[in-house]
Protein backbone atom coordinates (compact mmCIF):
# COMPACT_ATOMS: atom_id res chain seq x y z
CA MET A 1 23.95 -23.43 3.72
CA GLU A 2 20.24 -22.65 3.15
CA LYS A 3 19.57 -18.93 1.53
CA LYS A 4 17.04 -17.12 3.21
CA GLU A 5 14.57 -15.43 0.74
CA GLU A 6 13.54 -12.20 1.73
CA ILE A 7 9.51 -12.09 1.52
CA MET A 8 8.15 -8.87 0.00
CA GLU A 9 4.87 -7.61 1.76
CA LYS A 10 2.40 -6.38 -0.85
CA PRO A 11 2.15 -2.27 -0.72
CA PHE A 12 -0.81 -0.49 0.65
CA TRP A 13 -2.70 1.61 -1.83
CA LYS A 14 -5.00 4.57 -0.77
CA CYS A 15 -7.65 6.10 -2.78
CA SER A 16 -6.82 9.88 -3.54
CA ASN A 17 -10.91 10.24 -4.07
CA CYS A 18 -12.23 8.61 -0.90
CA GLY A 19 -9.41 7.27 1.27
CA TYR A 20 -10.08 3.60 0.87
CA THR A 21 -6.77 1.83 1.80
CA LEU A 22 -6.34 -1.85 0.19
CA GLN A 23 -3.05 -4.12 -0.14
CA GLU A 24 -2.30 -5.43 -3.54
CA GLU A 25 0.67 -5.92 -5.82
CA LYS A 26 -0.67 -2.91 -8.15
CA PRO A 27 -3.49 -0.57 -7.66
CA PRO A 28 -6.77 -1.46 -9.10
CA GLU A 29 -8.16 0.39 -12.37
CA VAL A 30 -11.57 1.49 -10.59
CA CYS A 31 -11.75 1.96 -6.75
CA PRO A 32 -13.65 -0.97 -5.03
CA SER A 33 -15.13 1.62 -2.42
CA CYS A 34 -16.30 4.29 -4.52
CA ASN A 35 -16.36 2.78 -8.02
CA GLU A 36 -14.50 5.82 -9.71
CA LYS A 37 -11.03 5.59 -11.53
CA CYS A 38 -8.88 7.55 -9.36
CA ASP A 39 -5.23 7.95 -8.50
CA PHE A 40 -3.98 5.56 -6.13
CA ILE A 41 -1.00 6.67 -3.60
CA ASN A 42 1.56 4.11 -2.25
CA VAL A 43 1.12 4.79 1.60
CA SER A 44 3.45 1.64 2.65
CA CYS A 45 5.90 2.07 5.13
CA TYR A 46 9.47 2.20 3.82
CA THR A 47 11.41 4.00 6.51
CA PRO A 48 12.70 2.95 10.00
CA GLU A 49 10.35 5.38 11.57
CA CYS A 50 7.36 3.11 11.09
CA GLY A 51 9.28 -0.03 11.30
CA PHE A 52 9.07 -0.93 7.77
CA LYS A 53 5.78 -2.51 7.99
CA GLY A 54 2.17 -1.64 7.43
CA ILE A 55 0.80 2.05 6.54
CA ASP A 56 3.11 5.05 6.93
CA PRO A 57 1.27 6.87 9.78
CA ARG A 58 2.55 10.22 7.96
CA LEU A 59 0.67 9.10 4.65
CA GLY A 60 -2.12 6.92 5.79
């Protein structure tokens, strides 16, 4: 039997300064949009309400 591997999507990150959102393994040190060193918030969907895919509308 073949073992099915679960494909993990890269999380979505939102810049706390300008709101720019990108999909990467880890957030960047400097925001590519505002060129500032900002905090990035993980806005990926991890709940059934948004289907476990994409950006959680409550956070994005």
